[in-house]
Amino acid sequence: MNVFRRVFRFYYEGFRNLPKWGKQAWAIIIVKGILIFVLVRFIFFPNFLNTNFDTDEERGDYVLEQLTNKYSDNDTIKH
């Protein structure tokens, strides 16, 4: 039998035989995980490039400028 199928059946049988409170606990954990992901993704990491630039060329130019011009001409790297 395929390894992936054996692993899937292992977890499937384990979750199928959980008591009712165990299934409810897993449902709560999954819902909380999805909510946390949505909050972090959309509140803390908005899509900066799509909101500030209209075309892919402008976005590419901005990213290239940020990557290549890390320090201005007057700044020096101090070790």
C-alpha atoms as a PDB file:
ATOM      1  CA  MET A   1       0.000   0.000   0.000  1.00  0.00           C
ATOM      2  CA  ASN A   2       1.202   3.500  -0.803  1.00  0.00           C
ATOM      3  CA  VAL A   3       2.827   5.406   2.079  1.00  0.00           C
ATOM      4  CA  PHE A   4       0.584   8.442   1.574  1.00  0.00           C
ATOM      5  CA  ARG A   5      -2.527   6.279   1.610  1.00  0.00           C
ATOM      6  CA  ARG A   6      -1.372   4.588   4.822  1.00  0.00           C
ATOM      7  CA  VAL A   7      -0.737   7.942   6.505  1.00  0.00           C
ATOM      8  CA  PHE A   8      -4.121   9.261   5.342  1.00  0.00           C
ATOM      9  CA  ARG A   9      -5.930   6.152   6.614  1.00  0.00           C
ATOM     10  CA  PHE A  10      -4.090   6.418   9.948  1.00  0.00           C
ATOM     11  CA  TYR A  11      -5.342   9.962  10.544  1.00  0.00           C
ATOM     12  CA  TYR A  12      -8.767   9.258   9.047  1.00  0.00           C
ATOM     13  CA  GLU A  13      -9.352   6.322  11.384  1.00  0.00           C
ATOM     14  CA  GLY A  14      -8.025   8.293  14.340  1.00  0.00           C
ATOM     15  CA  PHE A  15     -10.306  11.276  13.742  1.00  0.00           C
ATOM     16  CA  ARG A  16     -13.266   9.037  12.941  1.00  0.00           C
ATOM     17  CA  ASN A  17     -12.977   7.308  16.314  1.00  0.00           C
ATOM     18  CA  LEU A  18     -12.658  10.514  18.348  1.00  0.00           C
ATOM     19  CA  PRO A  19     -15.315  11.189  20.967  1.00  0.00           C
ATOM     20  CA  LYS A  20     -17.734  14.051  20.361  1.00  0.00           C
ATOM     21  CA  TRP A  21     -15.795  16.486  22.553  1.00  0.00           C
ATOM     22  CA  GLY A  22     -12.597  15.706  20.625  1.00  0.00           C
ATOM     23  CA  LYS A  23     -14.232  16.537  17.294  1.00  0.00           C
ATOM     24  CA  GLN A  24     -15.614  19.776  18.763  1.00  0.00           C
ATOM     25  CA  ALA A  25     -12.171  20.701  20.086  1.00  0.00           C
ATOM     26  CA  TRP A  26     -10.596  20.130  16.642  1.00  0.00           C
ATOM     27  CA  ALA A  27     -13.361  22.205  15.015  1.00  0.00           C
ATOM     28  CA  ILE A  28     -12.612  25.083  17.404  1.00  0.00           C
ATOM     29  CA  ILE A  29      -8.873  24.802  16.737  1.00  0.00           C
ATOM     30  CA  ILE A  30      -9.392  24.881  12.951  1.00  0.00           C
ATOM     31  CA  VAL A  31     -11.801  27.848  13.100  1.00  0.00           C
ATOM     32  CA  LYS A  32      -9.409  29.792  15.345  1.00  0.00           C
ATOM     33  CA  GLY A  33      -6.512  29.049  13.001  1.00  0.00           C
ATOM     34  CA  ILE A  34      -8.445  30.300   9.983  1.00  0.00           C
ATOM     35  CA  LEU A  35      -9.545  33.458  11.805  1.00  0.00           C
ATOM     36  CA  ILE A  36      -6.009  34.221  12.968  1.00  0.00           C
ATOM     37  CA  PHE A  37      -4.672  33.712   9.434  1.00  0.00           C
ATOM     38  CA  VAL A  38      -7.339  36.028   7.968  1.00  0.00           C
ATOM     39  CA  LEU A  39      -6.721  38.724  10.569  1.00  0.00           C
ATOM     40  CA  VAL A  40      -2.961  38.637  10.180  1.00  0.00           C
ATOM     41  CA  ARG A  41      -3.097  38.484   6.392  1.00  0.00           C
ATOM     42  CA  PHE A  42      -5.568  41.266   5.715  1.00  0.00           C
ATOM     43  CA  ILE A  43      -5.066  43.608   8.677  1.00  0.00           C
ATOM     44  CA  PHE A  44      -1.325  43.476   9.301  1.00  0.00           C
ATOM     45  CA  PHE A  45      -0.117  42.741   5.753  1.00  0.00           C
ATOM     46  CA  PRO A  46      -2.179  44.764   3.273  1.00  0.00           C
ATOM     47  CA  ASN A  47      -1.287  44.512  -0.417  1.00  0.00           C
ATOM     48  CA  PHE A  48       0.976  47.548  -0.622  1.00  0.00           C
ATOM     49  CA  LEU A  49       1.935  47.238  -4.284  1.00  0.00           C
ATOM     50  CA  ASN A  50      -1.621  46.872  -5.624  1.00  0.00           C
ATOM     51  CA  THR A  51      -2.912  49.826  -3.616  1.00  0.00           C
ATOM     52  CA  ASN A  52      -0.068  52.246  -4.454  1.00  0.00           C
ATOM     53  CA  PHE A  53       0.760  51.420  -8.082  1.00  0.00           C
ATOM     54  CA  ASP A  54      -1.444  50.981 -11.141  1.00  0.00           C
ATOM     55  CA  THR A  55       0.648  48.865 -13.502  1.00  0.00           C
ATOM     56  CA  ASP A  56       3.006  45.919 -13.207  1.00  0.00           C
ATOM     57  CA  GLU A  57       5.796  48.069 -14.643  1.00  0.00           C
ATOM     58  CA  GLU A  58       5.441  50.625 -11.825  1.00  0.00           C
ATOM     59  CA  ARG A  59       5.394  47.839  -9.241  1.00  0.00           C
ATOM     60  CA  GLY A  60       8.484  46.244 -10.758  1.00  0.00           C
ATOM     61  CA  ASP A  61      10.348  49.546 -10.864  1.00  0.00           C
ATOM     62  CA  TYR A  62       9.521  50.217  -7.212  1.00  0.00           C
ATOM     63  CA  VAL A  63      10.679  46.765  -6.102  1.00  0.00           C
ATOM     64  CA  LEU A  64      13.883  47.039  -8.139  1.00  0.00           C
ATOM     65  CA  GLU A  65      14.585  50.474  -6.655  1.00  0.00           C
ATOM     66  CA  GLN A  66      14.029  49.183  -3.118  1.00  0.00           C
ATOM     67  CA  LEU A  67      16.307  46.201  -3.682  1.00  0.00           C
ATOM     68  CA  THR A  68      19.162  48.060  -5.375  1.00  0.00           C
ATOM     69  CA  ASN A  69      19.150  51.380  -3.498  1.00  0.00           C
ATOM     70  CA  LYS A  70      19.295  50.058   0.048  1.00  0.00           C
ATOM     71  CA  TYR A  71      21.387  53.020   1.200  1.00  0.00           C
ATOM     72  CA  SER A  72      21.352  56.548  -0.139  1.00  0.00           C
ATOM     73  CA  ASP A  73      24.504  58.123  -1.577  1.00  0.00           C
ATOM     74  CA  ASN A  74      25.403  59.878   1.698  1.00  0.00           C
ATOM     75  CA  ASP A  75      25.033  56.813   3.912  1.00  0.00           C
ATOM     76  CA  THR A  76      27.933  54.507   4.521  1.00  0.00           C
ATOM     77  CA  ILE A  77      27.863  51.016   5.890  1.00  0.00           C
ATOM     78  CA  LYS A  78      29.523  50.944   9.279  1.00  0.00           C
ATOM     79  CA  HIS A  79      31.019  47.696  10.517  1.00  0.00           C
END
